[in-house]
């Protein structure tokens, strides 16, 4: 075995250990953020790649990215007492969307990270989005809202359809969520934004 390959495999082992620690921290961060909203976990899904293949799938024919589902993913929660398909006024859906590397882009072909810009110049973030029902609504939170509607360009938007649905979103660099104190601060900042756009609810 060449010394170059030996050194590369050492780097690979170090990288996997680092990825494990990163993912464990991310899951803890997202869970702690969601706890501040007293909500019910609903769904998770990769956002830039296909879901993890089932055991009967030939993974050699899939993108290698598909085996890294937490690289870019969204975790969805709905308001306590709610359910996925029918919603009363005041019920909401919360999405916490992790982007590990904003250099990732795909035009339908499997992206090659060799072509990404410098890691030092890219970012890692969690986008926090909340859809709120001002009127009763029959839409599945995943298929009819999260998977169907465009995210707003600004921090707030009102949809013509479904009528009565509004959306508030804010992006946080992972540097802003480094510890529990900062996570709680971020939730308070987001709740202040919610209060400014949806003052009928007591968010804080």
C-alpha atoms as a PDB file:
ATOM      1  CA  UNK A   1       0.000   0.000   0.000  1.00  0.00           C
ATOM      2  CA  UNK A   2       1.385   3.391  -0.987  1.00  0.00           C
ATOM      3  CA  UNK A   3       2.115   5.985   1.648  1.00  0.00           C
ATOM      4  CA  UNK A   4      -0.258   8.347  -0.169  1.00  0.00           C
ATOM      5  CA  UNK A   5      -3.152   5.881   0.124  1.00  0.00           C
ATOM      6  CA  UNK A   6      -2.255   5.144   3.747  1.00  0.00           C
ATOM      7  CA  UNK A   7      -2.429   8.849   4.583  1.00  0.00           C
ATOM      8  CA  UNK A   8      -5.684   9.230   2.666  1.00  0.00           C
ATOM      9  CA  UNK A   9      -7.316   6.389   4.595  1.00  0.00           C
ATOM     10  CA  UNK A  10      -6.202   7.958   7.873  1.00  0.00           C
ATOM     11  CA  UNK A  11      -7.936  11.170   6.746  1.00  0.00           C
ATOM     12  CA  UNK A  12     -11.071   9.192   5.842  1.00  0.00           C
ATOM     13  CA  UNK A  13     -11.245   7.605   9.301  1.00  0.00           C
ATOM     14  CA  UNK A  14     -10.779  11.009  10.912  1.00  0.00           C
ATOM     15  CA  UNK A  15     -13.471  12.468   8.641  1.00  0.00           C
ATOM     16  CA  UNK A  16     -16.044   9.802   9.530  1.00  0.00           C
ATOM     17  CA  UNK A  17     -15.419  10.321  13.239  1.00  0.00           C
ATOM     18  CA  UNK A  18     -15.848  14.065  12.767  1.00  0.00           C
ATOM     19  CA  UNK A  19     -19.050  13.586  10.757  1.00  0.00           C
ATOM     20  CA  UNK A  20     -20.473  11.406  13.538  1.00  0.00           C
ATOM     21  CA  UNK A  21     -19.752  14.094  16.144  1.00  0.00           C
ATOM     22  CA  UNK A  22     -21.180  16.788  13.859  1.00  0.00           C
ATOM     23  CA  UNK A  23     -24.390  14.828  13.240  1.00  0.00           C
ATOM     24  CA  UNK A  24     -24.848  14.041  16.930  1.00  0.00           C
ATOM     25  CA  UNK A  25     -24.484  17.740  17.724  1.00  0.00           C
ATOM     26  CA  UNK A  26     -26.887  18.752  14.941  1.00  0.00           C
ATOM     27  CA  UNK A  27     -29.578  16.358  16.143  1.00  0.00           C
ATOM     28  CA  UNK A  28     -29.208  17.681  19.683  1.00  0.00           C
ATOM     29  CA  UNK A  29     -29.375  21.288  18.459  1.00  0.00           C
ATOM     30  CA  UNK A  30     -32.516  20.729  16.392  1.00  0.00           C
ATOM     31  CA  UNK A  31     -34.213  18.816  19.200  1.00  0.00           C
ATOM     32  CA  UNK A  32     -33.401  21.574  21.711  1.00  0.00           C
ATOM     33  CA  UNK A  33     -34.737  24.248  19.353  1.00  0.00           C
ATOM     34  CA  UNK A  34     -37.986  22.332  18.807  1.00  0.00           C
ATOM     35  CA  UNK A  35     -38.483  21.831  22.555  1.00  0.00           C
ATOM     36  CA  UNK A  36     -39.024  25.581  22.933  1.00  0.00           C
ATOM     37  CA  UNK A  37     -42.182  25.273  20.802  1.00  0.00           C
ATOM     38  CA  UNK A  38     -43.817  22.357  22.677  1.00  0.00           C
ATOM     39  CA  UNK A  39     -44.613  20.691  19.363  1.00  0.00           C
ATOM     40  CA  UNK A  40     -45.060  17.170  17.995  1.00  0.00           C
ATOM     41  CA  UNK A  41     -42.462  15.577  15.727  1.00  0.00           C
ATOM     42  CA  UNK A  42     -43.982  14.789  12.339  1.00  0.00           C
ATOM     43  CA  UNK A  43     -41.542  13.943   9.539  1.00  0.00           C
ATOM     44  CA  UNK A  44     -37.970  14.163   8.343  1.00  0.00           C
ATOM     45  CA  UNK A  45     -36.645  14.109   4.793  1.00  0.00           C
ATOM     46  CA  UNK A  46     -33.434  14.820   2.890  1.00  0.00           C
ATOM     47  CA  UNK A  47     -33.843  17.961   0.806  1.00  0.00           C
ATOM     48  CA  UNK A  48     -31.126  17.771  -1.869  1.00  0.00           C
ATOM     49  CA  UNK A  49     -30.831  14.005  -2.337  1.00  0.00           C
ATOM     50  CA  UNK A  50     -33.040  10.929  -2.435  1.00  0.00           C
ATOM     51  CA  UNK A  51     -34.075   9.268   0.824  1.00  0.00           C
ATOM     52  CA  UNK A  52     -31.786   6.530   2.135  1.00  0.00           C
ATOM     53  CA  UNK A  53     -32.151   3.409  -0.049  1.00  0.00           C
ATOM     54  CA  UNK A  54     -33.954   0.352   1.266  1.00  0.00           C
ATOM     55  CA  UNK A  55     -32.041  -2.859   1.858  1.00  0.00           C
ATOM     56  CA  UNK A  56     -33.096  -4.364  -1.476  1.00  0.00           C
ATOM     57  CA  UNK A  57     -31.702  -1.401  -3.429  1.00  0.00           C
ATOM     58  CA  UNK A  58     -28.385  -1.729  -5.265  1.00  0.00           C
ATOM     59  CA  UNK A  59     -26.630   1.203  -3.625  1.00  0.00           C
ATOM     60  CA  UNK A  60     -23.780   1.054  -6.156  1.00  0.00           C
ATOM     61  CA  UNK A  61     -26.271   2.554  -8.647  1.00  0.00           C
ATOM     62  CA  UNK A  62     -27.248   5.445  -6.399  1.00  0.00           C
ATOM     63  CA  UNK A  63     -25.599   8.769  -5.663  1.00  0.00           C
ATOM     64  CA  UNK A  64     -23.071   8.516  -2.858  1.00  0.00           C
ATOM     65  CA  UNK A  65     -24.841  11.616  -1.486  1.00  0.00           C
ATOM     66  CA  UNK A  66     -27.947   9.457  -0.877  1.00  0.00           C
ATOM     67  CA  UNK A  67     -25.980   7.686   1.842  1.00  0.00           C
ATOM     68  CA  UNK A  68     -25.383  10.991   3.629  1.00  0.00           C
ATOM     69  CA  UNK A  69     -29.020  11.934   4.351  1.00  0.00           C
ATOM     70  CA  UNK A  70     -28.269  14.386   7.158  1.00  0.00           C
ATOM     71  CA  UNK A  71     -26.059  16.468   4.865  1.00  0.00           C
ATOM     72  CA  UNK A  72     -29.093  18.528   3.866  1.00  0.00           C
ATOM     73  CA  UNK A  73     -32.332  17.650   5.572  1.00  0.00           C
ATOM     74  CA  UNK A  74     -35.528  19.031   7.065  1.00  0.00           C
ATOM     75  CA  UNK A  75     -37.265  18.004  10.272  1.00  0.00           C
ATOM     76  CA  UNK A  76     -40.943  18.897  10.542  1.00  0.00           C
ATOM     77  CA  UNK A  77     -43.073  19.434  13.660  1.00  0.00           C
ATOM     78  CA  UNK A  78     -46.683  20.493  14.106  1.00  0.00           C
ATOM     79  CA  UNK A  79     -48.422  22.324  16.917  1.00  0.00           C
ATOM     80  CA  UNK A  80     -49.367  20.356  19.996  1.00  0.00           C
ATOM     81  CA  UNK A  81     -52.773  18.728  19.638  1.00  0.00           C
ATOM     82  CA  UNK A  82     -52.731  19.039  15.858  1.00  0.00           C
ATOM     83  CA  UNK A  83     -52.652  16.355  13.192  1.00  0.00           C
ATOM     84  CA  UNK A  84     -51.263  16.099   9.647  1.00  0.00           C
ATOM     85  CA  UNK A  85     -54.317  16.565   7.398  1.00  0.00           C
ATOM     86  CA  UNK A  86     -56.901  18.933   8.921  1.00  0.00           C
ATOM     87  CA  UNK A  87     -56.048  22.144  10.731  1.00  0.00           C
ATOM     88  CA  UNK A  88     -57.989  24.597  12.848  1.00  0.00           C
ATOM     89  CA  UNK A  89     -57.169  28.303  13.008  1.00  0.00           C
ATOM     90  CA  UNK A  90     -54.049  28.782  15.130  1.00  0.00           C
ATOM     91  CA  UNK A  91     -52.413  25.481  14.201  1.00  0.00           C
ATOM     92  CA  UNK A  92     -48.990  25.513  12.547  1.00  0.00           C
ATOM     93  CA  UNK A  93     -46.160  23.555  10.965  1.00  0.00           C
ATOM     94  CA  UNK A  94     -42.536  24.152  11.972  1.00  0.00           C
ATOM     95  CA  UNK A  95     -39.662  23.155   9.660  1.00  0.00           C
ATOM     96  CA  UNK A  96     -36.011  23.121  10.711  1.00  0.00           C
ATOM     97  CA  UNK A  97     -33.977  22.815   7.526  1.00  0.00           C
ATOM     98  CA  UNK A  98     -30.270  22.009   7.835  1.00  0.00           C
ATOM     99  CA  UNK A  99     -27.855  23.032   5.071  1.00  0.00           C
ATOM    100  CA  UNK A 100     -24.405  21.646   5.848  1.00  0.00           C
ATOM    101  CA  UNK A 101     -22.647  23.263   2.877  1.00  0.00           C
ATOM    102  CA  UNK A 102     -24.284  25.989   0.807  1.00  0.00           C
ATOM    103  CA  UNK A 103     -21.869  25.255  -2.039  1.00  0.00           C
ATOM    104  CA  UNK A 104     -23.956  22.173  -2.877  1.00  0.00           C
ATOM    105  CA  UNK A 105     -25.884  22.648  -6.123  1.00  0.00           C
ATOM    106  CA  UNK A 106     -27.333  20.097  -8.511  1.00  0.00           C
ATOM    107  CA  UNK A 107     -28.635  20.436 -12.057  1.00  0.00           C
ATOM    108  CA  UNK A 108     -29.834  16.849 -12.020  1.00  0.00           C
ATOM    109  CA  UNK A 109     -26.360  15.366 -12.115  1.00  0.00           C
ATOM    110  CA  UNK A 110     -24.527  14.125  -9.036  1.00  0.00           C
ATOM    111  CA  UNK A 111     -22.477  17.069  -7.710  1.00  0.00           C
ATOM    112  CA  UNK A 112     -18.749  16.524  -7.360  1.00  0.00           C
ATOM    113  CA  UNK A 113     -17.400  18.284  -4.245  1.00  0.00           C
ATOM    114  CA  UNK A 114     -14.076  18.707  -6.013  1.00  0.00           C
ATOM    115  CA  UNK A 115     -15.868  21.454  -7.971  1.00  0.00           C
ATOM    116  CA  UNK A 116     -17.227  23.228  -4.885  1.00  0.00           C
ATOM    117  CA  UNK A 117     -15.781  26.547  -3.800  1.00  0.00           C
ATOM    118  CA  UNK A 118     -13.474  26.690  -0.764  1.00  0.00           C
ATOM    119  CA  UNK A 119     -15.066  25.298   2.392  1.00  0.00           C
ATOM    120  CA  UNK A 120     -13.760  28.356   4.245  1.00  0.00           C
ATOM    121  CA  UNK A 121     -15.980  30.574   2.068  1.00  0.00           C
ATOM    122  CA  UNK A 122     -19.180  28.523   2.336  1.00  0.00           C
ATOM    123  CA  UNK A 123     -21.654  28.316   5.190  1.00  0.00           C
ATOM    124  CA  UNK A 124     -23.630  25.937   7.391  1.00  0.00           C
ATOM    125  CA  UNK A 125     -27.070  26.991   8.545  1.00  0.00           C
ATOM    126  CA  UNK A 126     -30.484  26.030   9.855  1.00  0.00           C
ATOM    127  CA  UNK A 127     -33.461  27.720   8.261  1.00  0.00           C
ATOM    128  CA  UNK A 128     -36.463  27.980  10.589  1.00  0.00           C
ATOM    129  CA  UNK A 129     -39.847  28.243   8.870  1.00  0.00           C
ATOM    130  CA  UNK A 130     -43.328  28.273  10.369  1.00  0.00           C
ATOM    131  CA  UNK A 131     -46.583  28.010   8.416  1.00  0.00           C
ATOM    132  CA  UNK A 132     -49.595  29.281  10.364  1.00  0.00           C
ATOM    133  CA  UNK A 133     -53.318  28.768   9.720  1.00  0.00           C
ATOM    134  CA  UNK A 134     -55.479  31.842  10.077  1.00  0.00           C
ATOM    135  CA  UNK A 135     -58.433  29.815   8.818  1.00  0.00           C
ATOM    136  CA  UNK A 136     -59.440  26.165   8.977  1.00  0.00           C
ATOM    137  CA  UNK A 137     -57.651  24.193   6.279  1.00  0.00           C
ATOM    138  CA  UNK A 138     -57.608  20.695   4.806  1.00  0.00           C
ATOM    139  CA  UNK A 139     -54.088  20.178   3.462  1.00  0.00           C
ATOM    140  CA  UNK A 140     -51.558  17.543   4.385  1.00  0.00           C
ATOM    141  CA  UNK A 141     -48.705  19.342   6.107  1.00  0.00           C
ATOM    142  CA  UNK A 142     -46.040  17.468   4.136  1.00  0.00           C
ATOM    143  CA  UNK A 143     -47.548  16.922   0.677  1.00  0.00           C
ATOM    144  CA  UNK A 144     -49.808  19.976   0.500  1.00  0.00           C
ATOM    145  CA  UNK A 145     -47.671  22.566   2.314  1.00  0.00           C
ATOM    146  CA  UNK A 146     -43.979  21.828   2.905  1.00  0.00           C
ATOM    147  CA  UNK A 147     -43.433  19.878  -0.330  1.00  0.00           C
ATOM    148  CA  UNK A 148     -45.725  22.049  -2.458  1.00  0.00           C
ATOM    149  CA  UNK A 149     -45.334  25.705  -1.517  1.00  0.00           C
ATOM    150  CA  UNK A 150     -42.416  28.008  -2.229  1.00  0.00           C
ATOM    151  CA  UNK A 151     -40.416  29.309   0.694  1.00  0.00           C
ATOM    152  CA  UNK A 152     -40.820  33.099   0.988  1.00  0.00           C
ATOM    153  CA  UNK A 153     -38.077  35.374  -0.339  1.00  0.00           C
ATOM    154  CA  UNK A 154     -38.584  37.666   2.637  1.00  0.00           C
ATOM    155  CA  UNK A 155     -39.225  36.795   6.285  1.00  0.00           C
ATOM    156  CA  UNK A 156     -43.021  36.754   5.808  1.00  0.00           C
ATOM    157  CA  UNK A 157     -45.587  35.935   3.150  1.00  0.00           C
ATOM    158  CA  UNK A 158     -49.312  35.234   2.795  1.00  0.00           C
ATOM    159  CA  UNK A 159     -50.463  32.585   0.334  1.00  0.00           C
ATOM    160  CA  UNK A 160     -53.432  33.027  -1.981  1.00  0.00           C
ATOM    161  CA  UNK A 161     -53.840  29.280  -1.880  1.00  0.00           C
ATOM    162  CA  UNK A 162     -54.372  27.701   0.571  1.00  0.00           C
ATOM    163  CA  UNK A 163     -56.331  30.750   1.710  1.00  0.00           C
ATOM    164  CA  UNK A 164     -55.522  31.908   5.223  1.00  0.00           C
ATOM    165  CA  UNK A 165     -52.069  30.320   5.356  1.00  0.00           C
ATOM    166  CA  UNK A 166     -49.116  32.549   6.218  1.00  0.00           C
ATOM    167  CA  UNK A 167     -45.420  31.811   6.540  1.00  0.00           C
ATOM    168  CA  UNK A 168     -42.585  33.252   8.636  1.00  0.00           C
ATOM    169  CA  UNK A 169     -38.952  32.247   8.164  1.00  0.00           C
ATOM    170  CA  UNK A 170     -35.514  33.138   9.482  1.00  0.00           C
ATOM    171  CA  UNK A 171     -32.076  31.730   8.728  1.00  0.00           C
ATOM    172  CA  UNK A 172     -29.503  31.041  11.456  1.00  0.00           C
ATOM    173  CA  UNK A 173     -25.846  30.317  10.893  1.00  0.00           C
ATOM    174  CA  UNK A 174     -24.803  27.296  12.914  1.00  0.00           C
ATOM    175  CA  UNK A 175     -22.320  29.609  14.630  1.00  0.00           C
ATOM    176  CA  UNK A 176     -25.369  31.277  16.207  1.00  0.00           C
ATOM    177  CA  UNK A 177     -26.450  27.938  17.737  1.00  0.00           C
ATOM    178  CA  UNK A 178     -23.186  26.864  19.306  1.00  0.00           C
ATOM    179  CA  UNK A 179     -24.557  26.070  22.778  1.00  0.00           C
ATOM    180  CA  UNK A 180     -27.827  25.848  24.687  1.00  0.00           C
ATOM    181  CA  UNK A 181     -27.788  29.513  25.679  1.00  0.00           C
ATOM    182  CA  UNK A 182     -27.458  30.567  22.045  1.00  0.00           C
ATOM    183  CA  UNK A 183     -30.108  28.067  20.909  1.00  0.00           C
ATOM    184  CA  UNK A 184     -32.614  29.487  23.405  1.00  0.00           C
ATOM    185  CA  UNK A 185     -31.692  33.018  22.311  1.00  0.00           C
ATOM    186  CA  UNK A 186     -32.318  32.048  18.685  1.00  0.00           C
ATOM    187  CA  UNK A 187     -35.756  30.649  19.536  1.00  0.00           C
ATOM    188  CA  UNK A 188     -36.602  33.907  21.306  1.00  0.00           C
ATOM    189  CA  UNK A 189     -35.457  35.893  18.275  1.00  0.00           C
ATOM    190  CA  UNK A 190     -37.661  33.779  16.024  1.00  0.00           C
ATOM    191  CA  UNK A 191     -40.615  34.111  18.396  1.00  0.00           C
ATOM    192  CA  UNK A 192     -40.204  37.902  18.320  1.00  0.00           C
ATOM    193  CA  UNK A 193     -40.360  37.716  14.526  1.00  0.00           C
ATOM    194  CA  UNK A 194     -43.489  35.573  14.789  1.00  0.00           C
ATOM    195  CA  UNK A 195     -45.067  38.093  17.165  1.00  0.00           C
ATOM    196  CA  UNK A 196     -44.380  40.943  14.745  1.00  0.00           C
ATOM    197  CA  UNK A 197     -46.206  39.132  11.921  1.00  0.00           C
ATOM    198  CA  UNK A 198     -48.764  37.045  13.849  1.00  0.00           C
ATOM    199  CA  UNK A 199     -49.597  39.165  16.917  1.00  0.00           C
ATOM    200  CA  UNK A 200     -52.796  37.228  17.677  1.00  0.00           C
ATOM    201  CA  UNK A 201     -50.743  34.416  19.253  1.00  0.00           C
ATOM    202  CA  UNK A 202     -48.674  34.481  22.433  1.00  0.00           C
ATOM    203  CA  UNK A 203     -45.346  33.203  21.083  1.00  0.00           C
ATOM    204  CA  UNK A 204     -43.109  34.542  23.833  1.00  0.00           C
END
